[in-house]
Amino acid sequence: MPAKRFGRTLVLFLAVALASAQQPFSPTPDERQALERISAASLRGNLSFIASELLEGRDTPSRGLDIAAVYIAAQFRVAGLEPVGDDAYFQTAKMLRTVPAPDGFELRIQGSSRTLAMDKSQASALSRGPLELSGAPVYMVRELADVKAGDAKGRVVMLAGSRGNRREIAKAAAALQPAAFLETADEDAGLHGSRLNDLYEEDTYGGVPRLIVRDAEAKRVLRAAKAGETGLTISVKLPAPTLISVTARNVMGLLRGSDPVLRDQYILLTAHYDHLGMDGPGRVFQGANDDGSGTVSVMEIGKALAAMPVHPKRSIVFMTFFGEEEGSLGSLYYARHPVVPLEKTVADLNLEQVGRTDSSVGPEVSNASLTGFEYSNIAHVLQQAGKLTGVKVYEAPNGDEFFNRSDNQTFAERGIPAHTIVVAFEYPDYHAVGDVWQKIEYDNMAKVDRMIALGSIMLADSADAPQWNRKNAKAARYLNAR
């Protein structure tokens, strides 16, 4: 072929290839039909039960949580998802609940000029056995760099990091044999902060007793303390608690992929189905938006995709966790006992608070965001899905601050690209009794769910698995975490 003609042919080939590469994704008729199956009426019906007073706030553990688990499993069964747990659609976790002795608890924090004494109404403890300390020094840890060999041994270690960071710090500090951990109840947690003594979670804290302070003046003193040696001491008397064995369950169903090779890779679509339980007669924390909305969305998207005549190429696990409000207990249990290999799990899309549009920063109608927006390429895939479904997927200014505050963090710490999809990061009635199913915008939630469903299909069908963003410094810790 003459050189000039070959040159024109090459230019034409490259132009055609480039145009093909730039063509936007277009859903097939079957995929469009699957999206149309996502129904606001179905979401309303499911959430009106999941967030009903009958379920008593879905505390971990509780009768209401067990009822919710059975209901979710029934919906997975109706949809035709495959059971993959150790008990059909359930993954059962055996745990210990600590019931403190009714009397005898004392805690004193002493500084250079004053002593603060607290009883069980102002502080609590989480320990498998009795604990007695007299004048134990308090060592403040804010970052991993503060954990130094020898500094923590025999001391009470104050954990001041964020929730996700706190787990990492606690694991490192537990190896140095502290006498106890000290924490302040989160200011915005309300009931949650007072219930940290309900479950003992050994994976994070290594068997070290935990002291949780709720007294306002004591919290002020502790939070003002400097990193390292604080000059404060703690004395504790804790009688032996009663230990009760309890069972909690993750609920999961599998949509088997259609591609003979890619079906052995897995995408997780997750939410937590627990909430805060009850606080006295008549006060039920129904948790409709947090996270009943995510739970029913997982159920609805699973039902829609399972009805497709040809499934997406990769397999998708639809899963709801117990115990997120107690420190991501359900996702942590799953990570220790995965039903599909973690090394074959390529992404986790975690859904939180996708039902309310009355965000504290203004209405969030036809909008959605992701925590850690630029940590991986997942957000950009969801942006494409949003353009096709009428949802603006955007980077929220404070999205990175919430990255380690939900179950996605569990999977990110194991190297799996994982984000939480949110409509309203902050909204009225968060962790309050007013978060009820009647306040959910169901048409908007169905629209957002169609975006998530289409994004899940696109991720499942892509030739390349999702990847962390190597250029983002905040994502660096997750790149080699497997």
Protein backbone atom coordinates (compact mmCIF):
# COMPACT_ATOMS: atom_id res chain seq x y z
CA MET A 1 0.00 0.00 0.00
CA PRO A 2 1.40 3.45 -0.91
CA ALA A 3 2.66 5.44 2.10
CA LYS A 4 0.21 8.34 1.57
CA ARG A 5 -2.79 5.99 1.27
CA PHE A 6 -1.63 4.01 4.33
CA GLY A 7 -1.40 7.29 6.29
CA ARG A 8 -4.95 8.28 5.37
CA THR A 9 -6.20 4.79 6.32
CA LEU A 10 -4.43 4.94 9.68
CA VAL A 11 -5.90 8.39 10.43
CA LEU A 12 -9.38 7.14 9.48
CA PHE A 13 -8.95 4.02 11.66
CA LEU A 14 -7.83 6.07 14.65
CA ALA A 15 -10.71 8.51 14.18
CA VAL A 16 -13.24 5.67 14.10
CA ALA A 17 -11.63 4.01 17.12
CA LEU A 18 -11.58 7.26 19.07
CA ALA A 19 -15.20 8.00 18.23
CA SER A 20 -16.13 4.48 19.34
CA ALA A 21 -14.21 4.88 22.59
CA GLN A 22 -15.95 8.16 23.31
CA GLN A 23 -19.45 6.87 22.67
CA PRO A 24 -21.46 7.05 25.90
CA PHE A 25 -22.74 3.91 27.56
CA SER A 26 -26.28 3.06 26.49
CA PRO A 27 -28.44 0.64 28.51
CA THR A 28 -29.90 -2.35 26.67
CA PRO A 29 -33.68 -2.81 26.56
CA ASP A 30 -33.41 -5.47 29.28
CA GLU A 31 -31.40 -3.12 31.48
CA ARG A 32 -33.90 -0.32 30.97
CA GLN A 33 -36.71 -2.66 31.90
CA ALA A 34 -34.82 -3.66 35.07
CA LEU A 35 -34.50 0.01 36.07
CA GLU A 36 -38.22 0.55 35.50
CA ARG A 37 -38.98 -2.24 37.99
CA ILE A 38 -37.59 -0.07 40.80
CA SER A 39 -40.76 1.26 42.36
CA ALA A 40 -41.40 4.08 44.81
CA ALA A 41 -44.49 2.19 46.01
CA SER A 42 -42.44 -0.95 46.69
CA LEU A 43 -39.83 1.05 48.59
CA ARG A 44 -42.55 2.72 50.67
CA GLY A 45 -44.19 -0.60 51.48
CA ASN A 46 -40.95 -2.23 52.60
CA LEU A 47 -39.74 0.75 54.61
CA SER A 48 -43.06 1.22 56.37
CA PHE A 49 -42.43 -2.22 57.86
CA ILE A 50 -38.65 -2.07 58.42
CA ALA A 51 -38.99 1.31 60.18
CA SER A 52 -42.22 0.49 62.02
CA GLU A 53 -42.58 0.69 65.80
CA LEU A 54 -43.19 -3.07 65.79
CA LEU A 55 -39.45 -3.56 65.18
CA GLU A 56 -38.60 -1.41 68.20
CA GLY A 57 -35.70 0.44 66.58
CA ARG A 58 -33.75 -2.67 65.44
CA ASP A 59 -31.16 -2.55 68.20
CA THR A 60 -28.23 -5.01 68.09
CA PRO A 61 -29.20 -7.53 69.41
CA SER A 62 -32.98 -7.43 69.74
CA ARG A 63 -36.21 -9.10 68.75
CA GLY A 64 -36.88 -6.27 66.31
CA LEU A 65 -33.55 -6.81 64.57
CA ASP A 66 -34.32 -10.52 64.21
CA ILE A 67 -37.72 -9.76 62.67
CA ALA A 68 -36.08 -7.37 60.21
CA ALA A 69 -33.54 -10.04 59.25
CA VAL A 70 -36.27 -12.59 58.50
CA TYR A 71 -38.18 -10.03 56.43
CA ILE A 72 -35.11 -9.07 54.37
CA ALA A 73 -34.29 -12.74 53.76
CA ALA A 74 -37.86 -13.34 52.60
CA GLN A 75 -37.53 -10.54 50.04
CA PHE A 76 -34.23 -11.96 48.78
CA ARG A 77 -35.93 -15.35 48.45
CA VAL A 78 -38.86 -13.87 46.50
CA ALA A 79 -36.42 -12.07 44.19
CA GLY A 80 -34.67 -15.33 43.36
CA LEU A 81 -31.27 -14.40 44.76
CA GLU A 82 -29.14 -17.39 45.76
CA PRO A 83 -28.65 -18.11 49.49
CA VAL A 84 -24.95 -17.97 50.35
CA GLY A 85 -24.82 -17.73 54.15
CA ASP A 86 -24.11 -20.48 56.65
CA ASP A 87 -27.88 -20.69 57.25
CA ALA A 88 -29.55 -20.02 53.90
CA TYR A 89 -29.68 -16.20 53.58
CA PHE A 90 -28.15 -15.63 57.03
CA GLN A 91 -24.57 -15.35 58.21
CA THR A 92 -24.74 -16.02 61.94
CA ALA A 93 -22.34 -14.35 64.37
CA LYS A 94 -21.96 -15.59 67.96
CA MET A 95 -21.12 -12.70 70.25
CA LEU A 96 -21.07 -11.77 73.93
CA ARG A 97 -23.28 -9.15 75.49
CA THR A 98 -22.07 -7.68 78.77
CA VAL A 99 -24.62 -6.78 81.42
CA PRO A 100 -22.97 -4.55 84.05
CA ALA A 101 -23.42 -5.29 87.73
CA PRO A 102 -26.23 -3.09 89.10
CA ASP A 103 -24.08 -1.53 91.85
CA GLY A 104 -20.48 -0.84 92.76
CA PHE A 105 -19.17 0.99 89.67
CA GLU A 106 -17.01 4.05 90.36
CA LEU A 107 -14.74 6.11 88.13
CA ARG A 108 -12.59 9.09 89.12
CA ILE A 109 -10.47 11.32 86.91
CA GLN A 110 -7.89 13.35 88.81
CA GLY A 111 -5.92 16.33 87.57
CA SER A 112 -3.53 18.71 89.27
CA SER A 113 -6.27 20.75 90.89
CA ARG A 114 -9.51 18.76 90.89
CA THR A 115 -11.09 15.32 90.92
CA LEU A 116 -14.17 14.36 88.88
CA ALA A 117 -16.15 11.43 90.28
CA MET A 118 -18.68 9.57 88.11
CA ASP A 119 -21.22 6.80 88.60
CA LYS A 120 -22.93 4.56 86.05
CA SER A 121 -25.24 7.40 84.93
CA GLN A 122 -22.21 9.43 83.80
CA ALA A 123 -19.83 6.72 82.60
CA SER A 124 -19.82 3.04 81.71
CA ALA A 125 -17.37 0.24 81.10
CA LEU A 126 -17.06 -2.68 78.71
CA SER A 127 -15.09 -5.56 80.16
CA ARG A 128 -15.40 -9.32 80.46
CA GLY A 129 -14.17 -9.28 84.02
CA PRO A 130 -13.80 -7.04 87.06
CA LEU A 131 -11.42 -4.10 86.88
CA GLU A 132 -9.76 -2.11 89.63
CA LEU A 133 -7.27 0.71 88.97
CA SER A 134 -5.84 3.26 91.36
CA GLY A 135 -4.18 6.37 89.98
CA ALA A 136 -3.37 4.90 86.56
CA PRO A 137 -1.83 7.58 84.27
CA VAL A 138 -3.78 8.63 81.19
CA TYR A 139 -1.88 8.59 77.89
CA MET A 140 -3.58 10.47 75.02
CA VAL A 141 -3.44 8.99 71.51
CA ARG A 142 -4.73 11.12 68.62
CA GLU A 143 -2.80 9.60 65.69
CA LEU A 144 -0.98 6.36 65.03
CA ALA A 145 2.29 8.24 65.49
CA ASP A 146 1.33 8.75 69.15
CA VAL A 147 1.38 4.99 69.75
CA LYS A 148 4.97 4.37 70.88
CA ALA A 149 6.42 1.15 72.27
CA GLY A 150 6.34 1.22 76.06
CA ASP A 151 4.26 4.38 76.42
CA ALA A 152 0.93 2.56 76.62
CA LYS A 153 1.80 -0.42 78.82
CA GLY A 154 0.00 -0.28 82.14
CA ARG A 155 -1.56 3.08 81.31
CA VAL A 156 -5.10 4.07 80.44
CA VAL A 157 -4.99 4.98 76.75
CA MET A 158 -7.35 7.77 75.70
CA LEU A 159 -8.58 7.22 72.12
CA ALA A 160 -9.30 10.57 70.50
CA GLY A 161 -9.34 9.70 66.78
CA SER A 162 -12.40 9.53 64.53
CA ARG A 163 -14.41 6.31 64.51
CA GLY A 164 -12.60 4.69 61.58
CA ASN A 165 -9.21 5.93 62.69
CA ARG A 166 -9.94 4.83 66.27
CA ARG A 167 -10.18 1.17 65.25
CA GLU A 168 -6.75 1.28 63.62
CA ILE A 169 -5.21 3.07 66.60
CA ALA A 170 -6.86 0.70 69.11
CA LYS A 171 -5.46 -2.36 67.36
CA ALA A 172 -1.94 -0.94 67.48
CA ALA A 173 -2.23 0.22 71.09
CA ALA A 174 -3.80 -3.05 72.31
CA ALA A 175 -0.58 -4.89 71.43
CA LEU A 176 1.26 -2.73 74.00
CA GLN A 177 -0.89 -4.05 76.89
CA PRO A 178 -2.60 -0.93 78.25
CA ALA A 179 -4.59 -1.24 81.46
CA ALA A 180 -7.71 0.08 79.73
CA PHE A 181 -8.95 2.25 76.89
CA LEU A 182 -10.75 5.51 77.61
CA GLU A 183 -13.27 7.11 75.25
CA THR A 184 -15.78 9.94 75.30
CA ALA A 185 -19.27 9.29 73.97
CA ASP A 186 -19.81 11.06 70.63
CA GLU A 187 -21.64 14.34 71.15
CA ASP A 188 -24.08 13.66 68.34
CA ALA A 189 -24.64 10.01 69.17
CA GLY A 190 -27.20 10.44 71.94
CA LEU A 191 -28.52 6.99 72.73
CA HIS A 192 -25.71 5.30 70.79
CA GLY A 193 -23.07 6.75 73.09
CA SER A 194 -24.79 5.34 76.17
CA ARG A 195 -25.09 1.86 74.71
CA LEU A 196 -21.47 1.08 73.93
CA ASN A 197 -21.51 -1.42 76.77
CA ASP A 198 -24.02 -3.65 75.03
CA LEU A 199 -21.60 -5.65 72.90
CA TYR A 200 -18.02 -6.71 73.34
CA GLU A 201 -16.07 -6.54 70.08
CA GLU A 202 -12.71 -8.24 70.57
CA ASP A 203 -11.36 -7.89 67.05
CA THR A 204 -10.76 -4.15 67.44
CA TYR A 205 -9.82 -3.80 71.11
CA GLY A 206 -7.92 -7.02 71.76
CA GLY A 207 -9.65 -7.83 75.04
CA VAL A 208 -8.61 -4.55 76.69
CA PRO A 209 -11.38 -3.09 78.93
CA ARG A 210 -13.02 0.10 77.66
CA LEU A 211 -14.18 3.03 79.78
CA ILE A 212 -16.74 5.36 78.19
CA VAL A 213 -17.31 8.81 79.69
CA ARG A 214 -20.54 10.76 79.12
CA ASP A 215 -20.27 13.41 81.82
CA ALA A 216 -20.05 16.82 80.11
CA GLU A 217 -17.36 18.29 82.37
CA ALA A 218 -15.22 15.16 82.21
CA LYS A 219 -15.47 15.13 78.41
CA ARG A 220 -14.35 18.75 78.31
CA VAL A 221 -11.29 18.01 80.46
CA LEU A 222 -10.34 14.92 78.47
CA ARG A 223 -10.76 16.49 75.05
CA ALA A 224 -8.59 19.43 76.10
CA ALA A 225 -5.73 17.16 77.15
CA LYS A 226 -2.54 17.15 75.11
CA ALA A 227 -1.27 14.12 73.19
CA GLY A 228 1.02 11.78 75.10
CA GLU A 229 1.32 12.11 78.87
CA THR A 230 -1.70 14.14 80.00
CA GLY A 231 -0.95 14.59 83.70
CA LEU A 232 -4.33 13.01 84.46
CA THR A 233 -4.89 9.79 86.38
CA ILE A 234 -7.85 7.42 86.59
CA SER A 235 -9.17 5.22 89.36
CA VAL A 236 -11.83 2.61 88.61
CA LYS A 237 -13.84 0.04 90.52
CA LEU A 238 -15.80 -2.26 88.23
CA PRO A 239 -17.53 -5.37 89.58
CA ALA A 240 -17.65 -8.43 87.34
CA PRO A 241 -20.42 -8.16 84.71
CA THR A 242 -22.78 -10.90 83.58
CA LEU A 243 -21.92 -12.29 80.14
CA ILE A 244 -24.71 -13.45 77.85
CA SER A 245 -24.17 -15.23 74.54
CA VAL A 246 -26.19 -13.67 71.71
CA THR A 247 -26.60 -14.26 68.00
CA ALA A 248 -26.71 -11.56 65.35
CA ARG A 249 -27.09 -12.08 61.62
CA ASN A 250 -25.96 -10.52 58.40
CA VAL A 251 -28.45 -11.11 55.58
CA MET A 252 -27.19 -11.81 52.05
CA GLY A 253 -28.20 -13.04 48.65
CA LEU A 254 -26.13 -13.67 45.51
CA LEU A 255 -26.87 -12.69 41.91
CA ARG A 256 -24.61 -15.05 39.96
CA GLY A 257 -22.77 -13.36 37.10
CA SER A 258 -23.34 -14.42 33.49
CA ASP A 259 -19.74 -14.31 32.24
CA PRO A 260 -17.86 -17.62 32.71
CA VAL A 261 -14.70 -15.78 33.77
CA LEU A 262 -15.89 -12.56 35.39
CA ARG A 263 -18.59 -14.33 37.43
CA ASP A 264 -15.83 -15.31 39.88
CA GLN A 265 -15.36 -11.62 40.73
CA TYR A 266 -17.80 -9.94 43.10
CA ILE A 267 -19.36 -6.53 43.68
CA LEU A 268 -21.01 -5.92 47.06
CA LEU A 269 -24.13 -3.77 47.40
CA THR A 270 -24.54 -3.20 51.13
CA ALA A 271 -26.40 -1.31 53.87
CA HIS A 272 -26.84 -1.71 57.62
CA TYR A 273 -30.28 -2.72 58.83
CA ASP A 274 -29.80 -2.02 62.55
CA HIS A 275 -30.53 1.22 64.40
CA LEU A 276 -30.57 2.52 67.98
CA GLY A 277 -33.45 0.63 69.56
CA MET A 278 -35.62 2.21 72.25
CA ASP A 279 -35.09 4.74 75.01
CA GLY A 280 -37.81 4.18 77.54
CA PRO A 281 -41.54 3.50 77.00
CA GLY A 282 -42.90 4.97 73.82
CA ARG A 283 -39.58 6.31 72.46
CA VAL A 284 -38.61 4.22 69.45
CA PHE A 285 -35.69 5.24 67.25
CA GLN A 286 -37.18 3.96 63.99
CA GLY A 287 -34.19 4.81 61.77
CA ALA A 288 -36.10 5.21 58.51
CA ASN A 289 -33.40 7.14 56.70
CA ASP A 290 -30.50 5.76 58.79
CA ASP A 291 -30.48 3.19 57.46
CA GLY A 292 -33.83 1.75 56.60
CA SER A 293 -33.58 3.65 53.31
CA GLY A 294 -30.34 1.90 52.37
CA THR A 295 -31.72 -1.48 53.45
CA VAL A 296 -34.88 -1.35 51.33
CA SER A 297 -32.83 0.04 48.42
CA VAL A 298 -30.57 -3.03 48.52
CA MET A 299 -33.68 -5.21 48.53
CA GLU A 300 -35.32 -3.29 45.65
CA ILE A 301 -32.22 -3.20 43.43
CA GLY A 302 -31.60 -6.89 44.07
CA LYS A 303 -35.15 -7.73 42.99
CA ALA A 304 -34.85 -5.60 39.84
CA LEU A 305 -31.53 -7.03 38.66
CA ALA A 306 -32.44 -10.62 39.50
CA ALA A 307 -35.35 -10.39 37.04
CA MET A 308 -33.04 -9.66 34.09
CA PRO A 309 -32.99 -12.55 31.58
CA VAL A 310 -29.19 -12.19 31.36
CA HIS A 311 -27.45 -11.19 34.55
CA PRO A 312 -24.53 -8.72 34.65
CA LYS A 313 -21.16 -10.30 33.94
CA ARG A 314 -19.69 -10.10 37.44
CA SER A 315 -21.54 -11.54 40.41
CA ILE A 316 -23.24 -9.14 42.83
CA VAL A 317 -23.76 -9.86 46.54
CA PHE A 318 -26.68 -7.98 48.11
CA MET A 319 -26.05 -7.74 51.84
CA THR A 320 -27.39 -6.00 54.94
CA PHE A 321 -25.30 -5.79 58.13
CA PHE A 322 -26.13 -5.86 61.82
CA GLY A 323 -24.37 -3.66 64.36
CA GLU A 324 -23.14 -0.71 62.30
CA GLU A 325 -24.34 1.63 65.03
CA GLU A 326 -22.20 -0.29 67.54
CA GLY A 327 -18.99 0.13 65.50
CA SER A 328 -19.49 -1.69 62.16
CA LEU A 329 -19.72 -5.06 63.92
CA GLY A 330 -21.57 -6.83 61.11
CA SER A 331 -19.20 -5.79 58.33
CA LEU A 332 -16.18 -6.54 60.55
CA TYR A 333 -17.57 -10.02 61.19
CA TYR A 334 -18.10 -10.52 57.46
CA ALA A 335 -14.54 -9.42 56.69
CA ARG A 336 -13.24 -12.08 59.09
CA HIS A 337 -15.63 -14.71 57.67
CA PRO A 338 -16.31 -13.76 54.02
CA VAL A 339 -18.78 -15.83 52.02
CA VAL A 340 -17.03 -14.91 48.76
CA PRO A 341 -13.24 -14.42 48.62
CA LEU A 342 -12.12 -10.91 49.58
CA GLU A 343 -9.33 -11.15 47.01
CA LYS A 344 -12.01 -11.65 44.34
CA THR A 345 -14.21 -8.82 45.68
CA VAL A 346 -13.63 -5.80 43.44
CA ALA A 347 -15.94 -3.13 44.94
CA ASP A 348 -18.38 -2.28 47.71
CA LEU A 349 -21.19 0.20 47.13
CA ASN A 350 -22.57 0.94 50.58
CA LEU A 351 -25.89 2.80 50.85
CA GLU A 352 -26.65 5.20 53.72
CA GLN A 353 -29.31 7.88 54.10
CA VAL A 354 -30.64 7.81 50.54
CA GLY A 355 -34.27 8.60 51.40
CA ARG A 356 -34.37 12.14 52.85
CA THR A 357 -33.78 15.20 50.67
CA ASP A 358 -33.98 17.81 53.44
CA SER A 359 -30.24 18.18 53.89
CA SER A 360 -28.92 20.75 56.36
CA VAL A 361 -27.17 22.49 53.43
CA GLY A 362 -30.32 22.69 51.28
CA PRO A 363 -32.65 20.40 49.30
CA GLU A 364 -30.95 17.43 47.63
CA VAL A 365 -33.46 16.54 44.93
CA SER A 366 -32.17 14.34 42.08
CA ASN A 367 -28.72 14.52 43.69
CA ALA A 368 -26.38 11.97 45.23
CA SER A 369 -22.80 11.90 46.42
CA LEU A 370 -20.13 9.47 47.55
CA THR A 371 -17.77 9.51 50.47
CA GLY A 372 -14.15 9.66 49.30
CA PHE A 373 -15.32 10.83 45.88
CA GLU A 374 -11.86 10.94 44.27
CA TYR A 375 -10.42 7.93 46.10
CA SER A 376 -11.24 5.58 43.20
CA ASN A 377 -12.78 5.62 39.74
CA ILE A 378 -16.16 4.36 40.99
CA ALA A 379 -17.62 7.86 41.37
CA HIS A 380 -16.99 8.63 37.70
CA VAL A 381 -18.84 5.47 36.64
CA LEU A 382 -21.78 6.50 38.82
CA GLN A 383 -21.69 9.97 37.29
CA GLN A 384 -22.24 8.37 33.87
CA ALA A 385 -25.10 6.32 35.30
CA GLY A 386 -26.53 9.49 36.83
CA LYS A 387 -26.59 11.29 33.51
CA LEU A 388 -28.65 8.45 32.07
CA THR A 389 -31.10 8.38 34.96
CA GLY A 390 -31.47 12.08 35.72
CA VAL A 391 -29.40 12.11 38.93
CA LYS A 392 -26.54 14.53 39.51
CA VAL A 393 -23.70 12.63 41.17
CA TYR A 394 -21.38 15.24 42.60
CA GLU A 395 -18.49 15.66 45.03
CA ALA A 396 -19.73 17.04 48.35
CA PRO A 397 -17.31 19.44 50.09
CA ASN A 398 -17.35 17.36 53.29
CA GLY A 399 -17.59 13.91 51.71
CA ASP A 400 -14.11 12.81 52.74
CA GLU A 401 -14.94 13.50 56.39
CA PHE A 402 -17.58 10.75 56.31
CA PHE A 403 -15.51 8.10 54.52
CA ASN A 404 -14.62 6.18 57.69
CA ARG A 405 -18.04 6.52 59.34
CA SER A 406 -19.85 3.60 57.74
CA ASP A 407 -19.32 0.00 56.69
CA ASN A 408 -17.43 0.87 53.50
CA GLN A 409 -14.41 1.57 55.71
CA THR A 410 -14.22 -2.12 56.65
CA PHE A 411 -13.69 -3.09 53.02
CA ALA A 412 -11.42 -0.16 52.18
CA GLU A 413 -9.10 -1.29 54.98
CA ARG A 414 -8.81 -4.58 53.12
CA GLY A 415 -7.87 -2.93 49.84
CA ILE A 416 -11.29 -3.12 48.18
CA PRO A 417 -12.51 0.10 46.48
CA ALA A 418 -15.46 0.97 48.71
CA HIS A 419 -17.61 4.06 49.12
CA THR A 420 -20.85 5.04 50.82
CA ILE A 421 -23.52 6.56 48.56
CA VAL A 422 -25.49 9.31 50.30
CA VAL A 423 -28.23 11.81 49.42
CA ALA A 424 -28.15 13.93 52.60
CA PHE A 425 -25.05 13.71 54.79
CA GLU A 426 -26.73 15.68 57.57
CA TYR A 427 -30.46 16.20 58.04
CA PRO A 428 -33.01 16.93 60.79
CA ASP A 429 -33.82 14.00 63.11
CA TYR A 430 -30.48 12.25 62.63
CA HIS A 431 -30.30 9.64 65.42
CA ALA A 432 -33.56 11.04 66.79
CA VAL A 433 -37.08 9.66 67.17
CA GLY A 434 -38.30 11.86 64.31
CA ASP A 435 -36.52 9.81 61.61
CA VAL A 436 -39.70 8.06 60.46
CA TRP A 437 -40.75 6.45 57.20
CA GLN A 438 -43.38 9.12 56.46
CA LYS A 439 -40.59 11.71 55.91
CA ILE A 440 -38.91 9.80 53.09
CA GLU A 441 -39.13 11.15 49.53
CA TYR A 442 -39.92 7.85 47.79
CA ASP A 443 -40.02 9.05 44.18
CA ASN A 444 -36.60 10.63 44.63
CA MET A 445 -35.24 7.51 46.35
CA ALA A 446 -36.46 5.34 43.48
CA LYS A 447 -34.69 7.67 41.04
CA VAL A 448 -31.43 7.48 43.01
CA ASP A 449 -31.78 3.69 43.23
CA ARG A 450 -32.08 3.48 39.44
CA MET A 451 -28.77 5.35 39.20
CA ILE A 452 -27.18 2.93 41.68
CA ALA A 453 -28.63 -0.08 39.86
CA LEU A 454 -27.32 1.11 36.49
CA GLY A 455 -23.95 1.97 38.02
CA SER A 456 -23.77 -1.52 39.50
CA ILE A 457 -24.47 -3.02 36.07
CA MET A 458 -21.77 -0.85 34.48
CA LEU A 459 -19.22 -1.85 37.12
CA ALA A 460 -20.18 -5.51 36.78
CA ASP A 461 -19.89 -5.45 32.98
CA SER A 462 -16.71 -3.39 32.70
CA ALA A 463 -13.65 -5.16 31.31
CA ASP A 464 -11.55 -3.62 34.08
CA ALA A 465 -12.29 -3.87 37.78
CA PRO A 466 -12.57 -0.63 39.81
CA GLN A 467 -9.24 0.83 40.95
CA TRP A 468 -8.04 3.12 43.73
CA ASN A 469 -6.79 6.50 42.57
CA ARG A 470 -3.00 6.34 42.90
CA LYS A 471 -2.77 10.11 42.53
CA ASN A 472 -4.92 10.76 45.60
CA ALA A 473 -2.83 10.89 48.78
CA LYS A 474 -5.84 10.08 50.97
CA ALA A 475 -6.36 6.80 49.11
CA ALA A 476 -2.73 5.74 49.41
CA ARG A 477 -3.27 3.75 52.63
CA TYR A 478 -5.79 1.49 50.87
CA LEU A 479 -3.76 0.69 47.74
CA ASN A 480 -1.75 -2.17 49.27
CA ALA A 481 -4.06 -3.06 52.12
CA ARG A 482 -4.93 -6.55 50.96
